[in-house]
Structures are given as structure tokens and as C-alpha cells.
Amino acid sequence: MRDGVLVPQYPGVFALLAAPFYWLLGYRGLFLLSALAFAAALVLCFAIAQRLFRDPALSLNACLILALTTFAWEYSQAAWPHALSMLIVALACIARSSPCRPRTRGRP
């Protein structure tokens, strides 16, 4: 409650992105959204590590570390916005690491 008015606990973007899942599957749709966001974040984790290190084994290890040693798996099994937030951060990281700028000579 803020200034006597109820406000949402989480930002409104989650509600907008989760609405189609909720309309299609009800409360279970929120779990599906979290699971899909987690899977997409793992794919992006692999892609980011591949761009940075160009080593498939290391990229796979990065995904395993993300999936098994953090709370990411737990968040993917709930109706919370955490997995979706993780996906949005991974999208920002992959966008930042994309080769948008031309490379100049003498710079790697």
C-alpha cells in the first residue's frame, strides 16, 4: 500500500506478457510461461558464452551452472516473474554482445 492506494508487487510488464498464458490455461499458464522463459534463458546463456569464448564445452558448462547451481530452476517452477526477468536480462546481454559495430583494424 502506498499513499493509501494498493499497488502491484511486481512491474506491469509481467502481467501484460503473462495475460495470454493465463487466458489460455488459467493459473497453469503462469507456470508454463516461467518454464518457457527458463528454457529460452538457457539457450541465450549458451549463445552468450559461445560468442564470448567460442568453446561449446565451456558454453554447456555455463548453462549447467546457471540451471543447477542458482535459484533459476526453482524460479522456473513457480508462477513468479523471476524467470521472465532473467530472460529479459539475457536478451539485453545478447543484444549488447552482438556485433553491431564494424571492427576496426588493430582491435580484436
N, C-alpha and C. Protein backbone atom coordinates (compact mmCIF):
# COMPACT_ATOMS: atom_id res chain seq x y z
N MET A 1 0.84 -1.16 0.00
CA MET A 1 0.00 0.00 0.00
C MET A 1 0.90 1.24 0.00
N ARG A 2 0.56 2.17 -0.83
CA ARG A 2 1.35 3.40 -0.94
C ARG A 2 0.39 4.57 -1.02
N ASP A 3 0.53 5.49 -0.10
CA ASP A 3 -0.37 6.65 -0.02
C ASP A 3 -1.84 6.23 0.02
N GLY A 4 -2.11 5.12 0.70
CA GLY A 4 -3.48 4.66 0.85
C GLY A 4 -4.05 3.94 -0.36
N VAL A 5 -3.22 3.67 -1.36
CA VAL A 5 -3.68 3.02 -2.59
C VAL A 5 -2.91 1.70 -2.76
N LEU A 6 -3.61 0.65 -3.17
CA LEU A 6 -2.94 -0.62 -3.43
C LEU A 6 -2.15 -0.52 -4.73
N VAL A 7 -0.93 -1.01 -4.70
CA VAL A 7 -0.08 -1.04 -5.88
C VAL A 7 0.43 -2.47 -6.07
N PRO A 8 0.71 -2.87 -7.32
CA PRO A 8 1.19 -4.23 -7.54
C PRO A 8 2.58 -4.44 -6.97
N GLN A 9 2.85 -5.67 -6.59
CA GLN A 9 4.15 -6.01 -6.06
C GLN A 9 5.19 -6.07 -7.17
N TYR A 10 4.80 -6.53 -8.36
CA TYR A 10 5.71 -6.70 -9.47
C TYR A 10 5.37 -5.70 -10.57
N PRO A 11 6.34 -5.38 -11.43
CA PRO A 11 6.07 -4.44 -12.52
C PRO A 11 4.97 -4.95 -13.46
N GLY A 12 4.33 -4.04 -14.16
CA GLY A 12 3.21 -4.39 -15.01
C GLY A 12 3.57 -5.17 -16.26
N VAL A 13 4.83 -5.20 -16.65
CA VAL A 13 5.22 -5.92 -17.87
C VAL A 13 4.92 -7.41 -17.72
N PHE A 14 5.15 -7.95 -16.54
CA PHE A 14 4.86 -9.36 -16.32
C PHE A 14 3.38 -9.65 -16.56
N ALA A 15 2.51 -8.80 -16.06
CA ALA A 15 1.08 -9.01 -16.24
C ALA A 15 0.70 -8.97 -17.71
N LEU A 16 1.30 -8.06 -18.46
CA LEU A 16 0.99 -7.97 -19.89
C LEU A 16 1.47 -9.20 -20.65
N LEU A 17 2.68 -9.66 -20.35
CA LEU A 17 3.20 -10.82 -21.06
C LEU A 17 2.56 -12.13 -20.60
N ALA A 18 2.11 -12.17 -19.37
CA ALA A 18 1.51 -13.39 -18.83
C ALA A 18 0.03 -13.52 -19.16
N ALA A 19 -0.62 -12.43 -19.54
CA ALA A 19 -2.06 -12.46 -19.78
C ALA A 19 -2.48 -13.51 -20.80
N PRO A 20 -1.83 -13.62 -21.97
CA PRO A 20 -2.26 -14.65 -22.92
C PRO A 20 -2.14 -16.07 -22.36
N PHE A 21 -1.08 -16.33 -21.60
CA PHE A 21 -0.92 -17.65 -20.99
C PHE A 21 -2.02 -17.91 -19.97
N TYR A 22 -2.38 -16.88 -19.22
CA TYR A 22 -3.43 -17.03 -18.22
C TYR A 22 -4.78 -17.26 -18.89
N TRP A 23 -5.05 -16.54 -19.97
CA TRP A 23 -6.32 -16.70 -20.67
C TRP A 23 -6.45 -18.09 -21.29
N LEU A 24 -5.34 -18.61 -21.79
CA LEU A 24 -5.39 -19.92 -22.44
C LEU A 24 -5.46 -21.08 -21.44
N LEU A 25 -4.65 -21.03 -20.38
CA LEU A 25 -4.51 -22.18 -19.49
C LEU A 25 -4.84 -21.88 -18.03
N GLY A 26 -5.29 -20.69 -17.75
CA GLY A 26 -5.57 -20.34 -16.37
C GLY A 26 -4.28 -20.20 -15.58
N TYR A 27 -4.34 -20.56 -14.31
CA TYR A 27 -3.18 -20.41 -13.43
C TYR A 27 -1.99 -21.24 -13.90
N ARG A 28 -2.26 -22.39 -14.52
CA ARG A 28 -1.18 -23.24 -15.03
C ARG A 28 -0.38 -22.55 -16.14
N GLY A 29 -1.01 -21.62 -16.82
CA GLY A 29 -0.32 -20.87 -17.87
C GLY A 29 0.83 -20.06 -17.34
N LEU A 30 0.72 -19.59 -16.10
CA LEU A 30 1.82 -18.83 -15.50
C LEU A 30 3.03 -19.73 -15.25
N PHE A 31 2.78 -20.99 -14.91
CA PHE A 31 3.86 -21.95 -14.75
C PHE A 31 4.51 -22.25 -16.10
N LEU A 32 3.69 -22.36 -17.13
CA LEU A 32 4.22 -22.60 -18.47
C LEU A 32 5.08 -21.43 -18.93
N LEU A 33 4.64 -20.22 -18.69
CA LEU A 33 5.42 -19.04 -19.06
C LEU A 33 6.78 -19.06 -18.37
N SER A 34 6.82 -19.39 -17.10
CA SER A 34 8.09 -19.45 -16.37
C SER A 34 8.99 -20.53 -16.93
N ALA A 35 8.44 -21.69 -17.23
CA ALA A 35 9.24 -22.78 -17.78
C ALA A 35 9.80 -22.43 -19.15
N LEU A 36 9.00 -21.81 -20.00
CA LEU A 36 9.47 -21.41 -21.33
C LEU A 36 10.52 -20.31 -21.23
N ALA A 37 10.33 -19.37 -20.32
CA ALA A 37 11.32 -18.30 -20.14
C ALA A 37 12.64 -18.88 -19.64
N PHE A 38 12.58 -19.86 -18.76
CA PHE A 38 13.79 -20.51 -18.26
C PHE A 38 14.53 -21.22 -19.39
N ALA A 39 13.79 -21.96 -20.20
CA ALA A 39 14.41 -22.68 -21.32
C ALA A 39 15.05 -21.70 -22.30
N ALA A 40 14.36 -20.62 -22.60
CA ALA A 40 14.90 -19.61 -23.52
C ALA A 40 16.13 -18.94 -22.91
N ALA A 41 16.12 -18.69 -21.61
CA ALA A 41 17.28 -18.09 -20.95
C ALA A 41 18.48 -19.02 -21.00
N LEU A 42 18.26 -20.32 -20.89
CA LEU A 42 19.37 -21.28 -21.02
C LEU A 42 19.95 -21.26 -22.42
N VAL A 43 19.09 -21.19 -23.42
CA VAL A 43 19.57 -21.11 -24.81
C VAL A 43 20.39 -19.85 -25.00
N LEU A 44 19.90 -18.73 -24.48
CA LEU A 44 20.64 -17.48 -24.59
C LEU A 44 21.94 -17.51 -23.81
N CYS A 45 21.95 -18.18 -22.67
CA CYS A 45 23.18 -18.34 -21.89
C CYS A 45 24.23 -19.07 -22.73
N PHE A 46 23.81 -20.13 -23.40
CA PHE A 46 24.73 -20.86 -24.28
C PHE A 46 25.23 -19.96 -25.39
N ALA A 47 24.32 -19.19 -26.01
CA ALA A 47 24.70 -18.31 -27.12
C ALA A 47 25.67 -17.21 -26.66
N ILE A 48 25.43 -16.65 -25.50
CA ILE A 48 26.31 -15.59 -24.99
C ILE A 48 27.71 -16.16 -24.71
N ALA A 49 27.76 -17.30 -24.05
CA ALA A 49 29.06 -17.92 -23.76
C ALA A 49 29.77 -18.31 -25.04
N GLN A 50 29.02 -18.76 -26.02
CA GLN A 50 29.62 -19.13 -27.31
C GLN A 50 30.21 -17.92 -28.00
N ARG A 51 29.50 -16.79 -27.96
CA ARG A 51 30.03 -15.57 -28.57
C ARG A 51 31.27 -15.07 -27.86
N LEU A 52 31.28 -15.19 -26.55
CA LEU A 52 32.41 -14.67 -25.78
C LEU A 52 33.63 -15.58 -25.85
N PHE A 53 33.43 -16.89 -25.79
CA PHE A 53 34.57 -17.80 -25.65
C PHE A 53 34.77 -18.77 -26.81
N ARG A 54 33.75 -18.94 -27.65
CA ARG A 54 33.82 -19.85 -28.82
C ARG A 54 34.28 -21.25 -28.41
N ASP A 55 33.72 -21.74 -27.34
CA ASP A 55 34.05 -23.07 -26.83
C ASP A 55 32.75 -23.76 -26.42
N PRO A 56 32.28 -24.75 -27.20
CA PRO A 56 31.00 -25.40 -26.88
C PRO A 56 30.96 -26.06 -25.51
N ALA A 57 32.07 -26.66 -25.09
CA ALA A 57 32.10 -27.31 -23.77
C ALA A 57 31.94 -26.28 -22.66
N LEU A 58 32.63 -25.18 -22.78
CA LEU A 58 32.52 -24.13 -21.77
C LEU A 58 31.11 -23.53 -21.78
N SER A 59 30.53 -23.37 -22.97
CA SER A 59 29.17 -22.82 -23.08
C SER A 59 28.15 -23.75 -22.43
N LEU A 60 28.33 -25.05 -22.63
CA LEU A 60 27.44 -26.01 -22.00
C LEU A 60 27.60 -25.99 -20.48
N ASN A 61 28.83 -25.86 -20.03
CA ASN A 61 29.07 -25.76 -18.58
C ASN A 61 28.42 -24.51 -18.00
N ALA A 62 28.45 -23.40 -18.74
CA ALA A 62 27.79 -22.18 -18.27
C ALA A 62 26.30 -22.41 -18.09
N CYS A 63 25.69 -23.14 -19.02
CA CYS A 63 24.26 -23.45 -18.91
C CYS A 63 23.98 -24.36 -17.71
N LEU A 64 24.83 -25.35 -17.53
CA LEU A 64 24.65 -26.25 -16.39
C LEU A 64 24.80 -25.51 -15.07
N ILE A 65 25.77 -24.62 -15.00
CA ILE A 65 25.94 -23.83 -13.78
C ILE A 65 24.71 -22.97 -13.52
N LEU A 66 24.21 -22.33 -14.57
CA LEU A 66 23.02 -21.50 -14.41
C LEU A 66 21.82 -22.33 -13.96
N ALA A 67 21.66 -23.48 -14.56
CA ALA A 67 20.48 -24.30 -14.27
C ALA A 67 20.55 -25.01 -12.93
N LEU A 68 21.73 -25.45 -12.54
CA LEU A 68 21.83 -26.33 -11.38
C LEU A 68 22.38 -25.71 -10.10
N THR A 69 23.06 -24.59 -10.21
CA THR A 69 23.68 -24.03 -9.01
C THR A 69 23.11 -22.67 -8.61
N THR A 70 22.08 -22.24 -9.28
CA THR A 70 21.42 -20.98 -8.92
C THR A 70 19.96 -21.27 -8.60
N PHE A 71 19.23 -20.24 -8.26
CA PHE A 71 17.80 -20.41 -8.00
C PHE A 71 16.98 -20.36 -9.27
N ALA A 72 17.62 -20.32 -10.44
CA ALA A 72 16.90 -20.21 -11.70
C ALA A 72 15.91 -21.35 -11.89
N TRP A 73 16.32 -22.58 -11.57
CA TRP A 73 15.42 -23.72 -11.74
C TRP A 73 14.20 -23.58 -10.82
N GLU A 74 14.43 -23.17 -9.60
CA GLU A 74 13.32 -23.02 -8.65
C GLU A 74 12.33 -21.95 -9.15
N TYR A 75 12.87 -20.85 -9.66
CA TYR A 75 12.01 -19.79 -10.16
C TYR A 75 11.25 -20.23 -11.41
N SER A 76 11.81 -21.15 -12.17
CA SER A 76 11.13 -21.60 -13.38
C SER A 76 9.96 -22.53 -13.07
N GLN A 77 9.88 -23.00 -11.85
CA GLN A 77 8.81 -23.93 -11.46
C GLN A 77 7.72 -23.24 -10.64
N ALA A 78 7.63 -21.94 -10.75
CA ALA A 78 6.65 -21.19 -9.97
C ALA A 78 5.98 -20.15 -10.86
N ALA A 79 4.96 -19.54 -10.33
CA ALA A 79 4.21 -18.51 -11.06
C ALA A 79 4.73 -17.12 -10.71
N TRP A 80 6.03 -16.99 -10.59
CA TRP A 80 6.65 -15.70 -10.28
C TRP A 80 7.21 -15.09 -11.56
N PRO A 81 7.49 -13.80 -11.56
CA PRO A 81 8.06 -13.16 -12.76
C PRO A 81 9.58 -13.29 -12.86
N HIS A 82 10.22 -14.01 -11.95
CA HIS A 82 11.67 -14.04 -11.91
C HIS A 82 12.28 -14.67 -13.17
N ALA A 83 11.72 -15.76 -13.66
CA ALA A 83 12.27 -16.41 -14.85
C ALA A 83 12.13 -15.50 -16.06
N LEU A 84 11.02 -14.81 -16.16
CA LEU A 84 10.83 -13.88 -17.27
C LEU A 84 11.81 -12.72 -17.17
N SER A 85 12.06 -12.24 -15.97
CA SER A 85 13.04 -11.18 -15.78
C SER A 85 14.44 -11.65 -16.17
N MET A 86 14.76 -12.88 -15.83
CA MET A 86 16.05 -13.44 -16.20
C MET A 86 16.18 -13.52 -17.72
N LEU A 87 15.10 -13.88 -18.40
CA LEU A 87 15.11 -13.94 -19.86
C LEU A 87 15.33 -12.55 -20.45
N ILE A 88 14.68 -11.54 -19.91
CA ILE A 88 14.82 -10.18 -20.42
C ILE A 88 16.25 -9.68 -20.22
N VAL A 89 16.86 -10.01 -19.10
CA VAL A 89 18.26 -9.63 -18.87
C VAL A 89 19.18 -10.36 -19.85
N ALA A 90 18.91 -11.64 -20.10
CA ALA A 90 19.71 -12.39 -21.07
C ALA A 90 19.56 -11.82 -22.47
N LEU A 91 18.35 -11.39 -22.81
CA LEU A 91 18.14 -10.74 -24.12
C LEU A 91 18.95 -9.45 -24.22
N ALA A 92 18.99 -8.69 -23.16
CA ALA A 92 19.79 -7.46 -23.16
C ALA A 92 21.27 -7.78 -23.31
N CYS A 93 21.73 -8.83 -22.65
CA CYS A 93 23.15 -9.21 -22.75
C CYS A 93 23.50 -9.68 -24.15
N ILE A 94 22.63 -10.46 -24.77
CA ILE A 94 22.93 -10.94 -26.13
C ILE A 94 22.85 -9.79 -27.12
N ALA A 95 21.96 -8.85 -26.87
CA ALA A 95 21.88 -7.68 -27.76
C ALA A 95 23.13 -6.84 -27.63
N ARG A 96 23.65 -6.73 -26.42
CA ARG A 96 24.87 -5.94 -26.20
C ARG A 96 26.09 -6.63 -26.77
N SER A 97 26.10 -7.95 -26.78
CA SER A 97 27.27 -8.67 -27.28
C SER A 97 27.21 -8.91 -28.77
N SER A 98 26.12 -8.52 -29.44
CA SER A 98 26.02 -8.75 -30.88
C SER A 98 26.96 -7.82 -31.63
N PRO A 99 27.48 -8.28 -32.73
CA PRO A 99 28.42 -7.47 -33.48
C PRO A 99 27.71 -6.39 -34.30
N CYS A 100 27.29 -5.34 -33.65
CA CYS A 100 26.59 -4.24 -34.33
C CYS A 100 27.57 -3.26 -34.94
N ARG A 101 28.73 -3.12 -34.34
CA ARG A 101 29.70 -2.13 -34.80
C ARG A 101 30.71 -2.80 -35.72
N PRO A 102 31.12 -2.11 -36.76
CA PRO A 102 32.18 -2.68 -37.60
C PRO A 102 33.51 -2.70 -36.84
N ARG A 103 34.26 -3.71 -37.04
CA ARG A 103 35.55 -3.83 -36.35
C ARG A 103 36.58 -2.98 -37.09
N THR A 104 37.41 -2.34 -36.29
CA THR A 104 38.47 -1.55 -36.88
C THR A 104 39.76 -2.34 -36.87
N ARG A 105 40.67 -1.98 -37.74
CA ARG A 105 41.95 -2.71 -37.79
C ARG A 105 42.74 -2.47 -36.51
N GLY A 106 43.38 -3.52 -36.07
CA GLY A 106 44.20 -3.41 -34.88
C GLY A 106 43.46 -3.66 -33.59
N ARG A 107 42.13 -3.77 -33.68
CA ARG A 107 41.34 -4.06 -32.47
C ARG A 107 40.71 -5.43 -32.65
N PRO A 108 40.72 -6.24 -31.61
CA PRO A 108 40.11 -7.58 -31.70
C PRO A 108 38.61 -7.52 -31.74
